[in-house]
C-alpha atoms as a PDB file:
ATOM      1  CA  MET A   1       2.008  -5.928   6.898  1.00  0.00           C
ATOM      2  CA  LYS A   2       3.547  -3.149   4.840  1.00  0.00           C
ATOM      3  CA  TYR A   3       1.795  -2.565   1.535  1.00  0.00           C
ATOM      4  CA  ASP A   4       3.918  -3.427  -1.519  1.00  0.00           C
ATOM      5  CA  ALA A   5       2.142  -4.719  -4.621  1.00  0.00           C
ATOM      6  CA  ARG A   6       4.960  -7.002  -5.777  1.00  0.00           C
ATOM      7  CA  ILE A   7       5.252  -8.671  -2.370  1.00  0.00           C
ATOM      8  CA  ILE A   8       1.492  -9.184  -1.935  1.00  0.00           C
ATOM      9  CA  VAL A   9       0.924 -10.825  -5.339  1.00  0.00           C
ATOM     10  CA  GLU A  10       3.376 -13.723  -5.560  1.00  0.00           C
ATOM     11  CA  LYS A  11       2.298 -15.377  -8.815  1.00  0.00           C
ATOM     12  CA  ALA A  12      -0.636 -16.035 -11.103  1.00  0.00           C
ATOM     13  CA  LEU A  13      -2.234 -19.481 -11.069  1.00  0.00           C
ATOM     14  CA  THR A  14      -2.779 -21.046 -14.479  1.00  0.00           C
ATOM     15  CA  THR A  15      -4.660 -24.231 -13.748  1.00  0.00           C
ATOM     16  CA  GLU A  16      -7.377 -25.663 -15.947  1.00  0.00           C
ATOM     17  CA  LYS A  17     -10.051 -24.543 -13.493  1.00  0.00           C
ATOM     18  CA  SER A  18      -8.691 -20.987 -13.198  1.00  0.00           C
ATOM     19  CA  LEU A  19      -8.473 -20.609 -16.989  1.00  0.00           C
ATOM     20  CA  ASN A  20     -12.098 -21.760 -17.269  1.00  0.00           C
ATOM     21  CA  GLN A  21     -13.167 -19.189 -14.651  1.00  0.00           C
ATOM     22  CA  ARG A  22     -11.272 -16.462 -16.495  1.00  0.00           C
ATOM     23  CA  GLU A  23     -13.144 -17.204 -19.718  1.00  0.00           C
ATOM     24  CA  HIS A  24     -16.645 -17.500 -18.253  1.00  0.00           C
ATOM     25  CA  GLN A  25     -16.640 -15.225 -15.182  1.00  0.00           C
ATOM     26  CA  ASN A  26     -13.722 -12.835 -15.841  1.00  0.00           C
ATOM     27  CA  CYS A  27     -12.178 -14.136 -12.602  1.00  0.00           C
ATOM     28  CA  VAL A  28      -8.391 -14.545 -12.236  1.00  0.00           C
ATOM     29  CA  ALA A  29      -6.589 -16.635  -9.590  1.00  0.00           C
ATOM     30  CA  PHE A  30      -3.410 -15.537  -7.799  1.00  0.00           C
ATOM     31  CA  LYS A  31      -1.143 -16.905  -5.080  1.00  0.00           C
ATOM     32  CA  VAL A  32      -0.818 -14.084  -2.548  1.00  0.00           C
ATOM     33  CA  ALA A  33       0.956 -13.373   0.724  1.00  0.00           C
ATOM     34  CA  SER A  34      -0.669 -15.140   3.667  1.00  0.00           C
ATOM     35  CA  GLN A  35      -0.959 -11.962   5.753  1.00  0.00           C
ATOM     36  CA  ALA A  36      -2.571  -9.864   2.979  1.00  0.00           C
ATOM     37  CA  ASP A  37      -6.209  -8.882   3.341  1.00  0.00           C
ATOM     38  CA  LYS A  38      -8.778  -8.351   0.577  1.00  0.00           C
ATOM     39  CA  LEU A  39      -8.303  -4.585   0.349  1.00  0.00           C
ATOM     40  CA  GLN A  40      -4.519  -4.909   0.005  1.00  0.00           C
ATOM     41  CA  ILE A  41      -4.959  -7.577  -2.688  1.00  0.00           C
ATOM     42  CA  LYS A  42      -7.425  -5.381  -4.579  1.00  0.00           C
ATOM     43  CA  ARG A  43      -5.076  -2.366  -4.521  1.00  0.00           C
ATOM     44  CA  ALA A  44      -2.090  -4.489  -5.572  1.00  0.00           C
ATOM     45  CA  ILE A  45      -3.901  -6.020  -8.589  1.00  0.00           C
ATOM     46  CA  GLU A  46      -5.185  -2.610  -9.695  1.00  0.00           C
ATOM     47  CA  GLU A  47      -1.694  -1.120  -9.377  1.00  0.00           C
ATOM     48  CA  ILE A  48       0.189  -3.914 -11.166  1.00  0.00           C
ATOM     49  CA  PHE A  49      -2.211  -4.687 -14.030  1.00  0.00           C
ATOM     50  CA  LYS A  50      -4.050  -1.321 -14.371  1.00  0.00           C
ATOM     51  CA  VAL A  51      -7.523  -2.900 -14.200  1.00  0.00           C
ATOM     52  CA  LYS A  52     -10.629  -2.226 -12.077  1.00  0.00           C
ATOM     53  CA  VAL A  53     -11.297  -4.980  -9.516  1.00  0.00           C
ATOM     54  CA  VAL A  54     -14.956  -5.762  -8.800  1.00  0.00           C
ATOM     55  CA  ASP A  55     -14.618  -8.519  -6.178  1.00  0.00           C
ATOM     56  CA  VAL A  56     -11.933 -10.415  -4.236  1.00  0.00           C
ATOM     57  CA  ARG A  57     -12.461 -13.846  -2.672  1.00  0.00           C
ATOM     58  CA  THR A  58      -9.695 -15.446  -0.613  1.00  0.00           C
ATOM     59  CA  MET A  59      -9.021 -18.885   0.809  1.00  0.00           C
ATOM     60  CA  MET A  60      -6.242 -20.631   2.676  1.00  0.00           C
ATOM     61  CA  VAL A  61      -4.960 -23.748   0.919  1.00  0.00           C
ATOM     62  CA  ARG A  62      -3.596 -26.281   3.388  1.00  0.00           C
ATOM     63  CA  GLY A  63      -0.256 -27.870   2.576  1.00  0.00           C
ATOM     64  CA  LYS A  64      -0.322 -31.527   1.623  1.00  0.00           C
ATOM     65  CA  GLU A  65       1.502 -34.235   3.500  1.00  0.00           C
ATOM     66  CA  LYS A  66       4.279 -35.751   1.411  1.00  0.00           C
ATOM     67  CA  ARG A  67       6.530 -38.747   1.959  1.00  0.00           C
ATOM     68  CA  MET A  68      10.088 -39.398   0.838  1.00  0.00           C
ATOM     69  CA  GLY A  69      10.637 -43.044   1.639  1.00  0.00           C
ATOM     70  CA  ARG A  70      10.093 -43.479   5.360  1.00  0.00           C
ATOM     71  CA  PHE A  71      10.330 -39.752   6.091  1.00  0.00           C
ATOM     72  CA  ALA A  72       7.123 -37.732   6.235  1.00  0.00           C
ATOM     73  CA  GLY A  73       6.886 -33.996   5.706  1.00  0.00           C
ATOM     74  CA  ARG A  74       4.400 -31.290   4.903  1.00  0.00           C
ATOM     75  CA  ARG A  75       4.285 -28.704   2.169  1.00  0.00           C
ATOM     76  CA  PRO A  76       3.625 -25.164   3.366  1.00  0.00           C
ATOM     77  CA  SER A  77       0.112 -23.729   3.454  1.00  0.00           C
ATOM     78  CA  TRP A  78      -0.593 -20.737   1.185  1.00  0.00           C
ATOM     79  CA  LYS A  79      -3.289 -18.212   0.352  1.00  0.00           C
ATOM     80  CA  LYS A  80      -5.240 -18.100  -2.910  1.00  0.00           C
ATOM     81  CA  ALA A  81      -7.156 -15.055  -4.149  1.00  0.00           C
ATOM     82  CA  LEU A  82      -9.872 -15.156  -6.804  1.00  0.00           C
ATOM     83  CA  VAL A  83     -10.099 -11.668  -8.284  1.00  0.00           C
ATOM     84  CA  THR A  84     -13.052 -10.644 -10.461  1.00  0.00           C
ATOM     85  CA  ILE A  85     -12.352  -7.762 -12.850  1.00  0.00           C
ATOM     86  CA  ARG A  86     -14.667  -5.678 -15.035  1.00  0.00           C
ATOM     87  CA  LYS A  87     -15.889  -7.221 -18.306  1.00  0.00           C
ATOM     88  CA  GLU A  88     -14.119  -4.594 -20.435  1.00  0.00           C
ATOM     89  CA  ASP A  89     -10.763  -5.053 -18.647  1.00  0.00           C
ATOM     90  CA  HIS A  90      -8.238  -7.736 -19.549  1.00  0.00           C
ATOM     91  CA  ILE A  91      -4.949  -8.842 -18.029  1.00  0.00           C
ATOM     92  CA  GLU A  92      -2.401  -9.252 -20.821  1.00  0.00           C
ATOM     93  CA  LEU A  93      -0.553 -11.985 -18.919  1.00  0.00           C
ATOM     94  CA  PHE A  94      -3.432 -14.393 -19.505  1.00  0.00           C
ATOM     95  CA  GLU A  95      -4.360 -13.499 -23.087  1.00  0.00           C
ATOM     96  CA  LYS A  96      -1.744 -15.906 -24.482  1.00  0.00           C
ATOM     97  CA  ALA A  97      -2.682 -18.806 -22.174  1.00  0.00           C
END
């Protein structure tokens, strides 16, 4: 996969659990491209937000089965990255959340 920071990091996740992790562990959650590896994710976060990344943990989230009446379908699977940054660094996107 070609390295492009804006393609690798799709969006930030602002769930109750991710906001709690940000406060206590300085760990931020992102939805990332499925083909991206940990090193690409680390470089993309450092480039976009100008912070120093300490650790990256990734997981594949399986899509849920959904029904619309008698028709069954499946939401797409996606990749989540939990990025730990240095204590002195902050991402401005989350300071207002």
